[in-house]
Amino acid sequence: MKILILPVAAALAAAAVSGCSSDAARRIEAGGPRSLVSVNKINMADWNEAAASLVNDMLSSGCLDSFKPKPVKMAVGRIVNRTSQAIETDLLSRQITIALNNSGNVRVVSSDAYSREQEKYEAFINDKKVSLPKLVMTGKIIEDRESVDGVREVTYIFMLSLSSGGEVVWESQKQIAKQAD
């Protein structure tokens, strides 16, 4: 009996491992048209769309024009998550800071302790003061869920603000809504 069970168990294990996936994996563009879309989570396409929209709105508003010299130093504050998901807000803030750095209008201050120490050391060696950021970027991500007649809808609201001297100098939001039956 033991002799018969061992080959059957081995055959079932081999079938389970090889038969679990019939589709071959393929690479796609992250957040592109072939990406999966889910009502229950913020997808890469959502992060990409929200970041691009907010950066374009910020740069086209002219809110950075009055800050001299260029590039203006900016710190990244909290991006508050008010959704039902545990999300990594760096997926939004990092895309925004990369685009702003690349625009030449802004230089983002590192939040890394070693980088901050290096800045202080170089200022000390050169007998200069460490200048504080003139701008602080903060934000919030909220979701609104609705269900009517078996249709589920979720709207994610990405809010972003720039403050200087305690005053908001720019703010905007991007809403992304998704439905499923």
N, C-alpha and C. Protein backbone atom coordinates (compact mmCIF):
# COMPACT_ATOMS: atom_id res chain seq x y z
N MET A 1 0.81 -1.19 0.00
CA MET A 1 0.00 0.00 0.00
C MET A 1 0.86 1.26 0.00
N LYS A 2 1.97 1.27 0.82
CA LYS A 2 2.85 2.42 0.86
C LYS A 2 3.52 2.63 -0.48
N ILE A 3 3.81 1.59 -1.19
CA ILE A 3 4.47 1.68 -2.49
C ILE A 3 3.56 2.37 -3.50
N LEU A 4 2.27 2.15 -3.45
CA LEU A 4 1.31 2.74 -4.38
C LEU A 4 1.05 4.21 -4.05
N ILE A 5 1.02 4.58 -2.78
CA ILE A 5 0.72 5.96 -2.36
C ILE A 5 1.83 6.91 -2.79
N LEU A 6 3.09 6.54 -2.67
CA LEU A 6 4.20 7.40 -2.99
C LEU A 6 4.20 7.83 -4.46
N PRO A 7 4.06 6.93 -5.45
CA PRO A 7 4.03 7.38 -6.84
C PRO A 7 2.80 8.24 -7.16
N VAL A 8 1.65 7.92 -6.57
CA VAL A 8 0.44 8.72 -6.81
C VAL A 8 0.63 10.13 -6.24
N ALA A 9 1.17 10.25 -5.05
CA ALA A 9 1.41 11.56 -4.44
C ALA A 9 2.41 12.37 -5.27
N ALA A 10 3.46 11.72 -5.75
CA ALA A 10 4.45 12.40 -6.58
C ALA A 10 3.83 12.89 -7.89
N ALA A 11 2.97 12.08 -8.50
CA ALA A 11 2.32 12.46 -9.74
C ALA A 11 1.37 13.64 -9.52
N LEU A 12 0.61 13.63 -8.42
CA LEU A 12 -0.29 14.74 -8.11
C LEU A 12 0.48 16.02 -7.84
N ALA A 13 1.59 15.93 -7.15
CA ALA A 13 2.41 17.11 -6.87
C ALA A 13 2.98 17.69 -8.16
N ALA A 14 3.45 16.83 -9.04
CA ALA A 14 3.99 17.30 -10.32
C ALA A 14 2.91 17.95 -11.17
N ALA A 15 1.72 17.39 -11.17
CA ALA A 15 0.60 17.96 -11.93
C ALA A 15 0.20 19.31 -11.36
N ALA A 16 0.21 19.42 -10.04
CA ALA A 16 -0.18 20.67 -9.41
C ALA A 16 0.81 21.78 -9.73
N VAL A 17 2.10 21.46 -9.69
CA VAL A 17 3.13 22.46 -9.96
C VAL A 17 3.12 22.86 -11.43
N SER A 18 3.04 21.91 -12.33
CA SER A 18 3.11 22.25 -13.75
C SER A 18 1.79 22.71 -14.33
N GLY A 19 0.69 22.36 -13.72
CA GLY A 19 -0.60 22.69 -14.29
C GLY A 19 -1.24 23.93 -13.71
N CYS A 20 -0.60 24.60 -12.77
CA CYS A 20 -1.20 25.77 -12.15
C CYS A 20 -1.30 26.95 -13.09
N SER A 21 -0.41 27.08 -14.01
CA SER A 21 -0.40 28.23 -14.89
C SER A 21 -0.22 27.78 -16.33
N SER A 22 -1.23 28.05 -17.13
CA SER A 22 -1.13 27.67 -18.53
C SER A 22 -0.68 28.83 -19.39
N ASP A 23 -0.77 30.06 -18.87
CA ASP A 23 -0.36 31.24 -19.63
C ASP A 23 1.09 31.58 -19.32
N ALA A 24 1.83 31.90 -20.35
CA ALA A 24 3.20 32.33 -20.17
C ALA A 24 3.21 33.78 -19.71
N ALA A 25 4.13 34.10 -18.82
CA ALA A 25 4.26 35.48 -18.36
C ALA A 25 4.80 36.34 -19.49
N ARG A 26 4.42 37.60 -19.49
CA ARG A 26 4.90 38.54 -20.51
C ARG A 26 5.08 39.91 -19.87
N ARG A 27 5.98 40.66 -20.41
CA ARG A 27 6.22 42.02 -19.92
C ARG A 27 5.23 42.98 -20.59
N ILE A 28 4.78 43.94 -19.80
CA ILE A 28 3.91 44.99 -20.31
C ILE A 28 4.43 46.31 -19.79
N GLU A 29 3.90 47.40 -20.31
CA GLU A 29 4.24 48.72 -19.82
C GLU A 29 3.51 48.95 -18.49
N ALA A 30 4.24 49.30 -17.45
CA ALA A 30 3.62 49.54 -16.14
C ALA A 30 2.62 50.68 -16.25
N GLY A 31 1.38 50.40 -15.93
CA GLY A 31 0.34 51.41 -16.01
C GLY A 31 -0.15 51.67 -17.42
N GLY A 32 0.28 50.85 -18.36
CA GLY A 32 -0.10 51.02 -19.76
C GLY A 32 -1.46 50.42 -20.07
N PRO A 33 -1.84 50.44 -21.35
CA PRO A 33 -3.17 49.98 -21.74
C PRO A 33 -3.43 48.50 -21.48
N ARG A 34 -2.39 47.69 -21.36
CA ARG A 34 -2.58 46.26 -21.11
C ARG A 34 -2.53 45.90 -19.63
N SER A 35 -2.34 46.91 -18.76
CA SER A 35 -2.30 46.67 -17.32
C SER A 35 -3.68 46.27 -16.81
N LEU A 36 -3.69 45.47 -15.77
CA LEU A 36 -4.94 45.07 -15.14
C LEU A 36 -5.53 46.26 -14.39
N VAL A 37 -6.85 46.35 -14.38
CA VAL A 37 -7.55 47.42 -13.68
C VAL A 37 -8.43 46.78 -12.62
N SER A 38 -8.38 47.33 -11.43
CA SER A 38 -9.17 46.82 -10.32
C SER A 38 -9.91 47.98 -9.66
N VAL A 39 -11.16 47.73 -9.33
CA VAL A 39 -11.93 48.74 -8.60
C VAL A 39 -11.44 48.82 -7.15
N ASN A 40 -10.93 47.73 -6.64
CA ASN A 40 -10.60 47.65 -5.22
C ASN A 40 -9.22 48.13 -4.83
N LYS A 41 -8.46 48.66 -5.78
CA LYS A 41 -7.15 49.18 -5.41
C LYS A 41 -6.70 50.22 -6.40
N ILE A 42 -5.74 51.02 -5.97
CA ILE A 42 -5.14 52.01 -6.84
C ILE A 42 -4.08 51.28 -7.66
N ASN A 43 -4.25 51.29 -8.97
CA ASN A 43 -3.33 50.59 -9.87
C ASN A 43 -2.23 51.54 -10.33
N MET A 44 -1.20 50.98 -10.95
CA MET A 44 -0.08 51.78 -11.44
C MET A 44 -0.56 52.85 -12.42
N ALA A 45 -1.53 52.52 -13.25
CA ALA A 45 -2.07 53.51 -14.19
C ALA A 45 -2.69 54.68 -13.44
N ASP A 46 -3.32 54.41 -12.31
CA ASP A 46 -3.91 55.48 -11.50
C ASP A 46 -2.83 56.40 -10.92
N TRP A 47 -1.77 55.78 -10.39
CA TRP A 47 -0.66 56.58 -9.85
C TRP A 47 -0.06 57.46 -10.96
N ASN A 48 0.18 56.85 -12.13
CA ASN A 48 0.78 57.59 -13.24
C ASN A 48 -0.10 58.75 -13.67
N GLU A 49 -1.40 58.50 -13.81
CA GLU A 49 -2.33 59.53 -14.27
C GLU A 49 -2.43 60.67 -13.24
N ALA A 50 -2.54 60.32 -11.96
CA ALA A 50 -2.65 61.34 -10.92
C ALA A 50 -1.39 62.20 -10.86
N ALA A 51 -0.23 61.57 -10.87
CA ALA A 51 1.03 62.32 -10.78
C ALA A 51 1.21 63.24 -11.99
N ALA A 52 0.98 62.73 -13.18
CA ALA A 52 1.14 63.54 -14.39
C ALA A 52 0.17 64.73 -14.39
N SER A 53 -1.06 64.49 -14.01
CA SER A 53 -2.07 65.55 -13.98
C SER A 53 -1.70 66.64 -12.98
N LEU A 54 -1.29 66.23 -11.78
CA LEU A 54 -0.95 67.20 -10.74
C LEU A 54 0.30 68.00 -11.10
N VAL A 55 1.31 67.35 -11.66
CA VAL A 55 2.53 68.05 -12.07
C VAL A 55 2.22 69.04 -13.19
N ASN A 56 1.46 68.61 -14.20
CA ASN A 56 1.11 69.52 -15.30
C ASN A 56 0.34 70.72 -14.80
N ASP A 57 -0.60 70.47 -13.88
CA ASP A 57 -1.38 71.57 -13.30
C ASP A 57 -0.49 72.54 -12.53
N MET A 58 0.44 71.99 -11.74
CA MET A 58 1.34 72.83 -10.95
C MET A 58 2.24 73.68 -11.84
N LEU A 59 2.87 73.06 -12.84
CA LEU A 59 3.80 73.78 -13.69
C LEU A 59 3.09 74.81 -14.57
N SER A 60 1.90 74.49 -15.03
CA SER A 60 1.17 75.43 -15.90
C SER A 60 0.50 76.55 -15.13
N SER A 61 0.36 76.41 -13.81
CA SER A 61 -0.32 77.44 -13.01
C SER A 61 0.52 78.69 -12.82
N GLY A 62 1.83 78.57 -12.95
CA GLY A 62 2.71 79.71 -12.72
C GLY A 62 3.05 79.93 -11.25
N CYS A 63 2.63 79.02 -10.38
CA CYS A 63 2.86 79.20 -8.94
C CYS A 63 4.34 79.21 -8.57
N LEU A 64 5.19 78.64 -9.40
CA LEU A 64 6.62 78.59 -9.10
C LEU A 64 7.39 79.78 -9.66
N ASP A 65 6.72 80.58 -10.49
CA ASP A 65 7.40 81.69 -11.17
C ASP A 65 7.94 82.75 -10.23
N SER A 66 7.27 83.00 -9.11
CA SER A 66 7.68 84.08 -8.21
C SER A 66 8.85 83.70 -7.31
N PHE A 67 9.21 82.44 -7.29
CA PHE A 67 10.30 81.99 -6.41
C PHE A 67 11.64 82.11 -7.14
N LYS A 68 12.53 82.90 -6.53
CA LYS A 68 13.86 83.10 -7.08
C LYS A 68 14.87 82.77 -5.98
N PRO A 69 16.04 82.33 -6.25
CA PRO A 69 16.52 81.87 -7.55
C PRO A 69 15.98 80.48 -7.86
N LYS A 70 16.11 80.11 -9.10
CA LYS A 70 15.70 78.78 -9.54
C LYS A 70 16.92 77.87 -9.48
N PRO A 71 16.80 76.66 -9.20
CA PRO A 71 15.60 75.97 -8.75
C PRO A 71 15.33 76.27 -7.27
N VAL A 72 14.07 76.33 -6.92
CA VAL A 72 13.66 76.60 -5.54
C VAL A 72 13.70 75.28 -4.75
N LYS A 73 14.14 75.37 -3.49
CA LYS A 73 14.21 74.17 -2.65
C LYS A 73 12.82 73.82 -2.14
N MET A 74 12.49 72.53 -2.20
CA MET A 74 11.19 72.06 -1.75
C MET A 74 11.36 70.81 -0.89
N ALA A 75 10.64 70.79 0.20
CA ALA A 75 10.59 69.60 1.07
C ALA A 75 9.28 68.88 0.81
N VAL A 76 9.30 67.58 1.00
CA VAL A 76 8.09 66.78 0.86
C VAL A 76 7.58 66.44 2.26
N GLY A 77 6.38 66.93 2.55
CA GLY A 77 5.75 66.63 3.83
C GLY A 77 4.95 65.34 3.72
N ARG A 78 3.95 65.21 4.55
CA ARG A 78 3.16 63.98 4.58
C ARG A 78 2.15 63.94 3.45
N ILE A 79 2.00 62.77 2.89
CA ILE A 79 0.90 62.46 1.99
C ILE A 79 0.03 61.49 2.79
N VAL A 80 -1.11 61.97 3.25
CA VAL A 80 -1.97 61.22 4.17
C VAL A 80 -2.85 60.25 3.38
N ASN A 81 -2.91 59.03 3.84
CA ASN A 81 -3.75 57.99 3.23
C ASN A 81 -5.06 57.88 3.99
N ARG A 82 -6.15 58.28 3.35
CA ARG A 82 -7.49 58.15 3.94
C ARG A 82 -8.33 57.17 3.12
N THR A 83 -7.68 56.14 2.61
CA THR A 83 -8.39 55.11 1.87
C THR A 83 -8.50 53.87 2.74
N SER A 84 -9.22 52.88 2.26
CA SER A 84 -9.35 51.62 3.01
C SER A 84 -8.17 50.69 2.76
N GLN A 85 -7.22 51.13 1.94
CA GLN A 85 -6.07 50.30 1.58
C GLN A 85 -4.82 50.75 2.32
N ALA A 86 -3.90 49.84 2.50
CA ALA A 86 -2.57 50.20 2.94
C ALA A 86 -1.78 50.49 1.66
N ILE A 87 -1.51 51.76 1.41
CA ILE A 87 -0.85 52.13 0.15
C ILE A 87 0.50 52.77 0.43
N GLU A 88 1.36 52.69 -0.55
CA GLU A 88 2.68 53.31 -0.49
C GLU A 88 2.58 54.66 -1.20
N THR A 89 2.50 55.74 -0.43
CA THR A 89 2.30 57.06 -1.01
C THR A 89 3.50 57.54 -1.82
N ASP A 90 4.65 56.90 -1.64
CA ASP A 90 5.82 57.23 -2.46
C ASP A 90 5.55 56.98 -3.95
N LEU A 91 4.60 56.11 -4.27
CA LEU A 91 4.27 55.87 -5.68
C LEU A 91 3.73 57.14 -6.33
N LEU A 92 3.15 58.02 -5.54
CA LEU A 92 2.69 59.32 -6.04
C LEU A 92 3.76 60.38 -5.86
N SER A 93 4.23 60.55 -4.64
CA SER A 93 5.15 61.66 -4.35
C SER A 93 6.47 61.54 -5.11
N ARG A 94 6.97 60.33 -5.28
CA ARG A 94 8.26 60.17 -5.98
C ARG A 94 8.14 60.54 -7.45
N GLN A 95 7.03 60.14 -8.09
CA GLN A 95 6.84 60.52 -9.50
C GLN A 95 6.75 62.03 -9.64
N ILE A 96 6.08 62.68 -8.70
CA ILE A 96 5.94 64.13 -8.74
C ILE A 96 7.29 64.81 -8.53
N THR A 97 8.06 64.38 -7.55
CA THR A 97 9.34 65.02 -7.29
C THR A 97 10.34 64.80 -8.43
N ILE A 98 10.29 63.64 -9.05
CA ILE A 98 11.17 63.39 -10.21
C ILE A 98 10.84 64.37 -11.33
N ALA A 99 9.56 64.52 -11.63
CA ALA A 99 9.14 65.44 -12.70
C ALA A 99 9.50 66.88 -12.36
N LEU A 100 9.31 67.29 -11.11
CA LEU A 100 9.64 68.67 -10.72
C LEU A 100 11.14 68.91 -10.77
N ASN A 101 11.93 67.95 -10.30
CA ASN A 101 13.39 68.07 -10.40
C ASN A 101 13.82 68.19 -11.85
N ASN A 102 13.25 67.37 -12.71
CA ASN A 102 13.61 67.39 -14.13
C ASN A 102 13.15 68.66 -14.84
N SER A 103 12.16 69.35 -14.30
CA SER A 103 11.68 70.59 -14.92
C SER A 103 12.67 71.73 -14.74
N GLY A 104 13.57 71.62 -13.76
CA GLY A 104 14.53 72.69 -13.50
C GLY A 104 13.98 73.77 -12.59
N ASN A 105 12.71 73.69 -12.23
CA ASN A 105 12.10 74.71 -11.37
C ASN A 105 12.29 74.42 -9.89
N VAL A 106 12.46 73.15 -9.54
CA VAL A 106 12.47 72.73 -8.14
C VAL A 106 13.62 71.76 -7.91
N ARG A 107 14.19 71.84 -6.71
CA ARG A 107 15.12 70.83 -6.22
C ARG A 107 14.55 70.32 -4.91
N VAL A 108 14.30 69.04 -4.85
CA VAL A 108 13.70 68.44 -3.67
C VAL A 108 14.78 68.15 -2.64
N VAL A 109 14.52 68.56 -1.42
CA VAL A 109 15.43 68.33 -0.31
C VAL A 109 15.29 66.88 0.12
N SER A 110 16.40 66.21 0.25
CA SER A 110 16.38 64.81 0.66
C SER A 110 15.92 64.68 2.10
N SER A 111 15.15 63.65 2.36
CA SER A 111 14.74 63.36 3.74
C SER A 111 15.67 62.35 4.39
N ASP A 112 16.67 61.91 3.65
CA ASP A 112 17.64 60.96 4.16
C ASP A 112 18.57 61.65 5.17
N ALA A 113 18.72 61.05 6.34
CA ALA A 113 19.52 61.66 7.41
C ALA A 113 20.98 61.88 6.99
N TYR A 114 21.56 60.94 6.25
CA TYR A 114 22.95 61.09 5.82
C TYR A 114 23.09 62.26 4.86
N SER A 115 22.16 62.42 3.94
CA SER A 115 22.20 63.54 2.99
C SER A 115 22.09 64.88 3.72
N ARG A 116 21.23 64.93 4.72
CA ARG A 116 21.07 66.17 5.50
C ARG A 116 22.35 66.50 6.27
N GLU A 117 22.99 65.48 6.83
CA GLU A 117 24.25 65.70 7.55
C GLU A 117 25.33 66.18 6.59
N GLN A 118 25.37 65.62 5.40
CA GLN A 118 26.35 66.04 4.40
C GLN A 118 26.14 67.51 4.04
N GLU A 119 24.87 67.91 3.87
CA GLU A 119 24.57 69.31 3.55
C GLU A 119 25.05 70.23 4.68
N LYS A 120 24.81 69.85 5.92
CA LYS A 120 25.25 70.66 7.06
C LYS A 120 26.77 70.75 7.12
N TYR A 121 27.43 69.63 6.86
CA TYR A 121 28.89 69.61 6.88
C TYR A 121 29.47 70.52 5.81
N GLU A 122 28.94 70.42 4.59
CA GLU A 122 29.45 71.25 3.50
C GLU A 122 29.20 72.74 3.76
N ALA A 123 28.06 73.07 4.36
CA ALA A 123 27.79 74.46 4.72
C ALA A 123 28.79 74.94 5.77
N PHE A 124 29.07 74.09 6.75
CA PHE A 124 30.03 74.44 7.80
C PHE A 124 31.43 74.66 7.22
N ILE A 125 31.87 73.75 6.37
CA ILE A 125 33.20 73.85 5.76
C ILE A 125 33.33 75.12 4.91
N ASN A 126 32.27 75.48 4.21
CA ASN A 126 32.28 76.65 3.32
C ASN A 126 31.81 77.92 4.03
N ASP A 127 31.65 77.85 5.36
CA ASP A 127 31.21 78.99 6.17
C ASP A 127 29.91 79.61 5.65
N LYS A 128 28.96 78.73 5.36
CA LYS A 128 27.64 79.17 4.88
C LYS A 128 26.58 78.60 5.80
N LYS A 129 25.39 79.14 5.66
CA LYS A 129 24.26 78.62 6.41
C LYS A 129 23.47 77.66 5.53
N VAL A 130 22.87 76.67 6.17
CA VAL A 130 21.99 75.76 5.46
C VAL A 130 20.67 76.49 5.22
N SER A 131 20.31 76.61 3.95
CA SER A 131 19.05 77.30 3.65
C SER A 131 17.89 76.33 3.76
N LEU A 132 16.83 76.83 4.34
CA LEU A 132 15.62 76.02 4.50
C LEU A 132 14.85 75.98 3.19
N PRO A 133 14.08 74.93 2.97
CA PRO A 133 13.24 74.87 1.78
C PRO A 133 12.22 76.01 1.79
N LYS A 134 11.97 76.59 0.63
CA LYS A 134 10.97 77.65 0.51
C LYS A 134 9.58 77.08 0.31
N LEU A 135 9.51 75.84 -0.15
CA LEU A 135 8.22 75.20 -0.42
C LEU A 135 8.11 73.88 0.34
N VAL A 136 6.89 73.54 0.70
CA VAL A 136 6.61 72.24 1.30
C VAL A 136 5.41 71.66 0.55
N MET A 137 5.58 70.43 0.05
CA MET A 137 4.49 69.73 -0.64
C MET A 137 3.84 68.75 0.32
N THR A 138 2.52 68.84 0.44
CA THR A 138 1.76 67.90 1.26
C THR A 138 0.56 67.43 0.46
N GLY A 139 -0.07 66.36 0.92
CA GLY A 139 -1.23 65.87 0.19
C GLY A 139 -2.07 64.90 0.98
N LYS A 140 -3.10 64.45 0.32
CA LYS A 140 -4.02 63.49 0.93
C LYS A 140 -4.65 62.68 -0.20
N ILE A 141 -4.89 61.41 0.09
CA ILE A 141 -5.58 60.53 -0.86
C ILE A 141 -6.82 60.00 -0.16
N ILE A 142 -7.97 60.22 -0.78
CA ILE A 142 -9.26 59.84 -0.21
C ILE A 142 -9.97 58.95 -1.21
N GLU A 143 -10.84 58.08 -0.71
CA GLU A 143 -11.67 57.28 -1.61
C GLU A 143 -13.14 57.47 -1.25
N ASP A 144 -13.97 57.36 -2.26
CA ASP A 144 -15.42 57.40 -2.08
C ASP A 144 -15.98 56.17 -2.78
N ARG A 145 -16.68 55.33 -2.02
CA ARG A 145 -17.24 54.09 -2.57
C ARG A 145 -18.75 54.18 -2.65
N GLU A 146 -19.30 53.60 -3.72
CA GLU A 146 -20.75 53.59 -3.94
C GLU A 146 -21.12 52.30 -4.64
N SER A 147 -22.30 51.80 -4.36
CA SER A 147 -22.81 50.61 -5.02
C SER A 147 -24.31 50.78 -5.24
N VAL A 148 -24.73 50.64 -6.49
CA VAL A 148 -26.15 50.77 -6.84
C VAL A 148 -26.49 49.67 -7.84
N ASP A 149 -27.53 48.88 -7.53
CA ASP A 149 -28.01 47.82 -8.42
C ASP A 149 -26.90 46.89 -8.89
N GLY A 150 -26.00 46.52 -8.00
CA GLY A 150 -24.95 45.57 -8.32
C GLY A 150 -23.74 46.18 -9.01
N VAL A 151 -23.77 47.47 -9.30
CA VAL A 151 -22.62 48.14 -9.90
C VAL A 151 -21.84 48.83 -8.79
N ARG A 152 -20.56 48.47 -8.69
CA ARG A 152 -19.68 49.08 -7.68
C ARG A 152 -18.86 50.18 -8.33
N GLU A 153 -18.72 51.27 -7.61
CA GLU A 153 -17.90 52.38 -8.11
C GLU A 153 -17.04 52.89 -6.98
N VAL A 154 -15.80 53.21 -7.30
CA VAL A 154 -14.91 53.84 -6.33
C VAL A 154 -14.24 55.02 -7.04
N THR A 155 -14.18 56.13 -6.34
CA THR A 155 -13.48 57.31 -6.83
C THR A 155 -12.34 57.60 -5.87
N TYR A 156 -11.15 57.69 -6.42
CA TYR A 156 -9.97 58.06 -5.63
C TYR A 156 -9.68 59.53 -5.90
N ILE A 157 -9.52 60.30 -4.84
CA ILE A 157 -9.23 61.72 -4.96
C ILE A 157 -7.82 61.96 -4.44
N PHE A 158 -6.95 62.43 -5.34
CA PHE A 158 -5.56 62.72 -5.02
C PHE A 158 -5.45 64.24 -4.84
N MET A 159 -5.20 64.70 -3.63
CA MET A 159 -5.10 66.13 -3.33
C MET A 159 -3.65 66.49 -3.05
N LEU A 160 -3.22 67.63 -3.57
CA LEU A 160 -1.84 68.05 -3.38
C LEU A 160 -1.81 69.55 -3.13
N SER A 161 -0.92 69.99 -2.22
CA SER A 161 -0.76 71.41 -1.90
C SER A 161 0.70 71.78 -1.83
N LEU A 162 1.01 73.02 -2.20
CA LEU A 162 2.33 73.61 -1.99
C LEU A 162 2.15 74.78 -1.04
N SER A 163 2.97 74.82 0.00
CA SER A 163 2.90 75.91 0.97
C SER A 163 4.25 76.60 1.04
N SER A 164 4.20 77.90 1.33
CA SER A 164 5.40 78.69 1.53
C SER A 164 5.13 79.67 2.66
N GLY A 165 5.96 79.64 3.67
CA GLY A 165 5.77 80.55 4.80
C GLY A 165 4.45 80.35 5.50
N GLY A 166 3.93 79.15 5.50
CA GLY A 166 2.67 78.85 6.17
C GLY A 166 1.43 79.15 5.34
N GLU A 167 1.61 79.64 4.12
CA GLU A 167 0.48 79.94 3.24
C GLU A 167 0.46 78.98 2.06
N VAL A 168 -0.73 78.56 1.69
CA VAL A 168 -0.88 77.69 0.53
C VAL A 168 -0.74 78.55 -0.73
N VAL A 169 0.24 78.21 -1.58
CA VAL A 169 0.46 78.98 -2.81
C VAL A 169 -0.10 78.26 -4.03
N TRP A 170 -0.42 76.99 -3.88
CA TRP A 170 -1.02 76.21 -4.97
C TRP A 170 -1.65 74.97 -4.38
N GLU A 171 -2.78 74.57 -4.93
CA GLU A 171 -3.37 73.28 -4.59
C GLU A 171 -4.25 72.82 -5.73
N SER A 172 -4.34 71.51 -5.83
CA SER A 172 -5.14 70.91 -6.89
C SER A 172 -5.52 69.49 -6.47
N GLN A 173 -6.39 68.90 -7.26
CA GLN A 173 -6.76 67.52 -7.02
C GLN A 173 -7.04 66.83 -8.34
N LYS A 174 -6.90 65.52 -8.31
CA LYS A 174 -7.21 64.67 -9.46
C LYS A 174 -8.12 63.56 -8.97
N GLN A 175 -9.26 63.41 -9.64
CA GLN A 175 -10.19 62.34 -9.29
C GLN A 175 -10.12 61.25 -10.35
N ILE A 176 -10.05 60.01 -9.89
CA ILE A 176 -10.06 58.85 -10.80
C ILE A 176 -11.16 57.92 -10.33
N ALA A 177 -12.15 57.69 -11.20
CA ALA A 177 -13.30 56.84 -10.85
C ALA A 177 -13.24 55.56 -11.67
N LYS A 178 -13.63 54.45 -11.02
CA LYS A 178 -13.66 53.13 -11.68
C LYS A 178 -14.94 52.41 -11.28
N GLN A 179 -15.50 51.64 -12.22
CA GLN A 179 -16.70 50.87 -11.96
C GLN A 179 -16.50 49.42 -12.33
N ALA A 180 -17.28 48.56 -11.67
CA ALA A 180 -17.32 47.13 -11.99
C ALA A 180 -18.70 46.59 -11.66
N ASP A 181 -19.12 45.59 -12.44
CA ASP A 181 -20.41 44.94 -12.18
C ASP A 181 -20.27 43.88 -11.11
